[in-house]
Amino acid sequence: MDIQAEINWIHQEIDKVKDPSFVDKLKHLLQFENSEKTETNIDYNIDIDKALNDIKNGNYFDEVEARAISKKWGRT
């Protein structure tokens, strides 16, 4: 199916929607998809680089330590 046919089908399906929460979710999805993502991608990559450096430098918790920390938060 070509892109225009896909868009036409989506339009037809959206016209059938009556659930306000679904409409809101779809609106947020479209807003995100149409927003400028460059800064988000840059921040994401910076966070990944920092995390990889932390791991390389031994700055992380093993499973036992992570479980002990999570118990302090009230989770098991």
N, C-alpha and C. Protein backbone atom coordinates (compact mmCIF):
# COMPACT_ATOMS: atom_id res chain seq x y z
N MET A 1 0.85 -1.18 0.00
CA MET A 1 0.00 0.00 0.00
C MET A 1 0.90 1.25 0.00
N ASP A 2 0.55 2.22 -0.81
CA ASP A 2 1.37 3.42 -0.84
C ASP A 2 1.03 4.35 0.32
N ILE A 3 1.86 5.34 0.55
CA ILE A 3 1.72 6.21 1.71
C ILE A 3 0.40 6.97 1.69
N GLN A 4 -0.04 7.42 0.52
CA GLN A 4 -1.30 8.17 0.47
C GLN A 4 -2.48 7.27 0.83
N ALA A 5 -2.44 6.03 0.40
CA ALA A 5 -3.50 5.08 0.76
C ALA A 5 -3.49 4.83 2.27
N GLU A 6 -2.31 4.72 2.84
CA GLU A 6 -2.18 4.54 4.30
C GLU A 6 -2.77 5.74 5.03
N ILE A 7 -2.44 6.94 4.58
CA ILE A 7 -2.95 8.16 5.21
C ILE A 7 -4.46 8.23 5.10
N ASN A 8 -4.99 7.89 3.94
CA ASN A 8 -6.45 7.89 3.77
C ASN A 8 -7.12 6.90 4.72
N TRP A 9 -6.52 5.72 4.87
CA TRP A 9 -7.08 4.73 5.80
C TRP A 9 -7.06 5.25 7.23
N ILE A 10 -5.94 5.87 7.62
CA ILE A 10 -5.82 6.43 8.97
C ILE A 10 -6.88 7.50 9.19
N HIS A 11 -7.08 8.36 8.22
CA HIS A 11 -8.12 9.40 8.33
C HIS A 11 -9.49 8.77 8.57
N GLN A 12 -9.80 7.74 7.80
CA GLN A 12 -11.10 7.07 7.95
C GLN A 12 -11.25 6.45 9.34
N GLU A 13 -10.19 5.85 9.82
CA GLU A 13 -10.25 5.22 11.15
C GLU A 13 -10.36 6.26 12.25
N ILE A 14 -9.65 7.37 12.12
CA ILE A 14 -9.72 8.44 13.13
C ILE A 14 -11.13 9.00 13.21
N ASP A 15 -11.78 9.12 12.06
CA ASP A 15 -13.15 9.64 12.05
C ASP A 15 -14.11 8.77 12.85
N LYS A 16 -13.77 7.52 13.06
CA LYS A 16 -14.63 6.59 13.81
C LYS A 16 -14.40 6.65 15.32
N VAL A 17 -13.29 7.25 15.74
CA VAL A 17 -12.91 7.25 17.15
C VAL A 17 -13.82 8.15 17.96
N LYS A 18 -14.29 7.62 19.10
CA LYS A 18 -15.16 8.38 20.01
C LYS A 18 -14.57 8.52 21.41
N ASP A 19 -13.44 7.87 21.65
CA ASP A 19 -12.81 7.85 22.98
C ASP A 19 -11.90 9.06 23.14
N PRO A 20 -12.25 10.01 24.04
CA PRO A 20 -11.43 11.20 24.22
C PRO A 20 -10.00 10.91 24.66
N SER A 21 -9.80 9.87 25.48
CA SER A 21 -8.44 9.57 25.93
C SER A 21 -7.57 9.07 24.78
N PHE A 22 -8.18 8.32 23.86
CA PHE A 22 -7.43 7.87 22.68
C PHE A 22 -7.06 9.06 21.80
N VAL A 23 -8.00 9.97 21.63
CA VAL A 23 -7.73 11.18 20.84
C VAL A 23 -6.58 11.96 21.46
N ASP A 24 -6.58 12.08 22.78
CA ASP A 24 -5.52 12.80 23.47
C ASP A 24 -4.17 12.12 23.26
N LYS A 25 -4.14 10.80 23.36
CA LYS A 25 -2.89 10.06 23.15
C LYS A 25 -2.40 10.23 21.71
N LEU A 26 -3.31 10.16 20.78
CA LEU A 26 -2.94 10.33 19.38
C LEU A 26 -2.41 11.74 19.13
N LYS A 27 -3.04 12.71 19.76
CA LYS A 27 -2.59 14.10 19.65
C LYS A 27 -1.16 14.24 20.15
N HIS A 28 -0.87 13.65 21.32
CA HIS A 28 0.49 13.73 21.88
C HIS A 28 1.50 13.01 20.98
N LEU A 29 1.09 11.88 20.43
CA LEU A 29 1.97 11.15 19.51
C LEU A 29 2.31 12.01 18.31
N LEU A 30 1.31 12.64 17.73
CA LEU A 30 1.55 13.49 16.56
C LEU A 30 2.38 14.72 16.91
N GLN A 31 2.13 15.29 18.07
CA GLN A 31 2.92 16.44 18.50
C GLN A 31 4.38 16.06 18.67
N PHE A 32 4.63 14.90 19.26
CA PHE A 32 6.00 14.43 19.44
C PHE A 32 6.65 14.16 18.09
N GLU A 33 5.90 13.49 17.22
CA GLU A 33 6.45 13.13 15.91
C GLU A 33 6.78 14.37 15.08
N ASN A 34 6.01 15.43 15.27
CA ASN A 34 6.22 16.64 14.48
C ASN A 34 7.13 17.65 15.16
N SER A 35 7.56 17.36 16.38
CA SER A 35 8.42 18.29 17.11
C SER A 35 9.87 18.16 16.64
N GLU A 36 10.66 19.12 17.02
CA GLU A 36 12.08 19.09 16.70
C GLU A 36 12.75 18.07 17.61
N LYS A 37 13.26 17.00 17.05
CA LYS A 37 13.83 15.91 17.84
C LYS A 37 15.35 16.00 17.97
N THR A 38 15.96 16.91 17.26
CA THR A 38 17.42 16.97 17.26
C THR A 38 17.98 17.13 18.66
N GLU A 39 17.45 18.08 19.42
CA GLU A 39 17.95 18.31 20.77
C GLU A 39 17.72 17.09 21.65
N THR A 40 16.57 16.46 21.50
CA THR A 40 16.27 15.26 22.27
C THR A 40 17.27 14.16 21.95
N ASN A 41 17.57 13.97 20.68
CA ASN A 41 18.52 12.95 20.29
C ASN A 41 19.91 13.25 20.82
N ILE A 42 20.30 14.52 20.79
CA ILE A 42 21.61 14.90 21.31
C ILE A 42 21.68 14.62 22.80
N ASP A 43 20.66 15.03 23.55
CA ASP A 43 20.62 14.77 25.00
C ASP A 43 20.65 13.27 25.28
N TYR A 44 19.89 12.51 24.51
CA TYR A 44 19.84 11.06 24.69
C TYR A 44 21.22 10.45 24.48
N ASN A 45 21.90 10.87 23.43
CA ASN A 45 23.24 10.33 23.16
C ASN A 45 24.24 10.74 24.23
N ILE A 46 24.12 11.95 24.75
CA ILE A 46 24.99 12.39 25.83
C ILE A 46 24.77 11.52 27.07
N ASP A 47 23.50 11.26 27.39
CA ASP A 47 23.19 10.40 28.55
C ASP A 47 23.76 9.00 28.36
N ILE A 48 23.67 8.46 27.16
CA ILE A 48 24.22 7.13 26.90
C ILE A 48 25.74 7.15 27.07
N ASP A 49 26.39 8.17 26.52
CA ASP A 49 27.84 8.27 26.67
C ASP A 49 28.25 8.36 28.14
N LYS A 50 27.51 9.13 28.93
CA LYS A 50 27.81 9.25 30.36
C LYS A 50 27.63 7.89 31.05
N ALA A 51 26.56 7.19 30.71
CA ALA A 51 26.31 5.89 31.33
C ALA A 51 27.41 4.89 30.97
N LEU A 52 27.82 4.89 29.72
CA LEU A 52 28.89 3.98 29.31
C LEU A 52 30.20 4.30 30.02
N ASN A 53 30.49 5.59 30.20
CA ASN A 53 31.68 5.98 30.95
C ASN A 53 31.58 5.55 32.40
N ASP A 54 30.39 5.70 33.00
CA ASP A 54 30.20 5.24 34.39
C ASP A 54 30.47 3.76 34.51
N ILE A 55 29.95 2.98 33.57
CA ILE A 55 30.17 1.53 33.61
C ILE A 55 31.65 1.22 33.45
N LYS A 56 32.29 1.88 32.50
CA LYS A 56 33.73 1.65 32.26
C LYS A 56 34.54 1.98 33.51
N ASN A 57 34.11 3.00 34.25
CA ASN A 57 34.83 3.41 35.46
C ASN A 57 34.37 2.69 36.72
N GLY A 58 33.48 1.72 36.57
CA GLY A 58 33.03 0.93 37.71
C GLY A 58 31.98 1.62 38.56
N ASN A 59 31.37 2.67 38.06
CA ASN A 59 30.34 3.40 38.81
C ASN A 59 28.95 2.85 38.49
N TYR A 60 28.66 1.71 39.07
CA TYR A 60 27.35 1.09 38.89
C TYR A 60 27.09 0.17 40.07
N PHE A 61 25.84 -0.28 40.20
CA PHE A 61 25.44 -1.18 41.27
C PHE A 61 25.24 -2.56 40.70
N ASP A 62 25.70 -3.58 41.43
CA ASP A 62 25.40 -4.94 40.99
C ASP A 62 23.97 -5.28 41.40
N GLU A 63 23.51 -6.45 41.03
CA GLU A 63 22.11 -6.81 41.26
C GLU A 63 21.76 -6.80 42.75
N VAL A 64 22.63 -7.31 43.60
CA VAL A 64 22.36 -7.36 45.04
C VAL A 64 22.22 -5.93 45.59
N GLU A 65 23.14 -5.06 45.19
CA GLU A 65 23.07 -3.66 45.65
C GLU A 65 21.81 -2.97 45.13
N ALA A 66 21.47 -3.21 43.88
CA ALA A 66 20.28 -2.58 43.30
C ALA A 66 19.01 -3.04 44.02
N ARG A 67 18.94 -4.33 44.36
CA ARG A 67 17.77 -4.83 45.09
C ARG A 67 17.69 -4.20 46.49
N ALA A 68 18.82 -4.04 47.15
CA ALA A 68 18.84 -3.43 48.48
C ALA A 68 18.37 -1.98 48.40
N ILE A 69 18.81 -1.27 47.38
CA ILE A 69 18.38 0.12 47.20
C ILE A 69 16.89 0.19 46.92
N SER A 70 16.41 -0.70 46.05
CA SER A 70 14.98 -0.66 45.70
C SER A 70 14.10 -1.00 46.90
N LYS A 71 14.59 -1.84 47.82
CA LYS A 71 13.81 -2.15 49.02
C LYS A 71 13.63 -0.91 49.88
N LYS A 72 14.60 -0.02 49.86
CA LYS A 72 14.48 1.24 50.60
C LYS A 72 13.38 2.12 50.02
N TRP A 73 13.10 1.92 48.73
CA TRP A 73 12.04 2.68 48.07
C TRP A 73 10.68 2.04 48.26
N GLY A 74 10.67 0.87 48.92
CA GLY A 74 9.40 0.17 49.14
C GLY A 74 9.06 -0.82 48.04
N ARG A 75 10.05 -1.13 47.21
CA ARG A 75 9.84 -2.11 46.14
C ARG A 75 10.70 -3.32 46.43
N THR A 76 10.28 -4.48 45.92
CA THR A 76 11.09 -5.70 46.11
C THR A 76 11.68 -6.16 44.82
